[in-house]
Amino acid sequence: MTPTTPPADRPLRADARQNVEQILDVAQQVFADLGYQASIAEVAKRSGLGMGTIYRHFPNKAVLVERIAIKVMGESLAQVRRALAEEPVTWTAFGRVVRHMTRLRSSQLFPVSRGRATDAGPELSAVRTELLAALDDLVTRTQRAGVLRDDVNAYDIVLMLNSIPPRHTSDSADDEPVSDLADRYTGVLLDGLRAPGSEPLSQPAPGRREIDQFFRATHGL
């Protein structure tokens, strides 16, 4: 069974479109703060919209989360394209994209249940394919410039970025903020990816099959 997302060929009125955007923005923050276990009721509370309004556009939480994933991947795709167009130095573009995607990971913006029993819908599959192709282009250009080690590929980058720990909310009584270590580990990652690389890599590089298996097992996507 594939989640049913709002039909793309059915234009929404301006107020309905605004509601959808508000729901997505608020839900994205709710799931980033609380994880996938957060309820639709919490999304309704923070958005100021009724449960009926949310369910009218997103009939269940799986559909809402998939739509957030589509939104986040689309924003990442735009970021890759902007970086390639705007940055004259290829390594600068590469670092900009890596840090952008690390921030997404740190904020837990792929908050999808591991136990989901549905397959990714065609829109999510399409935007993932586009994003992976753009990342592959970025990696290839950076390697051609001689600044990224030539024994890694775009799939390596995706898997490594997902190994960076997400930000966790504080559970202490004084509500002291928890350190976000993403930037620190991103620096280590970028340093290890610079050419020529002194540590030989064992095993062949991953491919699309490994990426799809990873997202299914880890994010349910």
Foldseek 3Di string as FASTA:
>chain_A
DEFDAADPPDDDDPVLVVVLVLLLVQVLQVCLAPFLVDDVVVSCVVSVHDPVSVCVRGVDSQRSLLVLLLVVLVVLLVLLVCLVVPPPQLLSSVLSSLVVLLLCLQSVSLRADLPDPHDYDPSSVVSVVSSLVSLQVSQVVNVVVVWFAPQAGSLNSVVVSNVQHHAHFDPDPVRDGDDRCSVVVSVVVSVCGTPNHDDDDDDHYDDVVVVVVCCCNPRVD
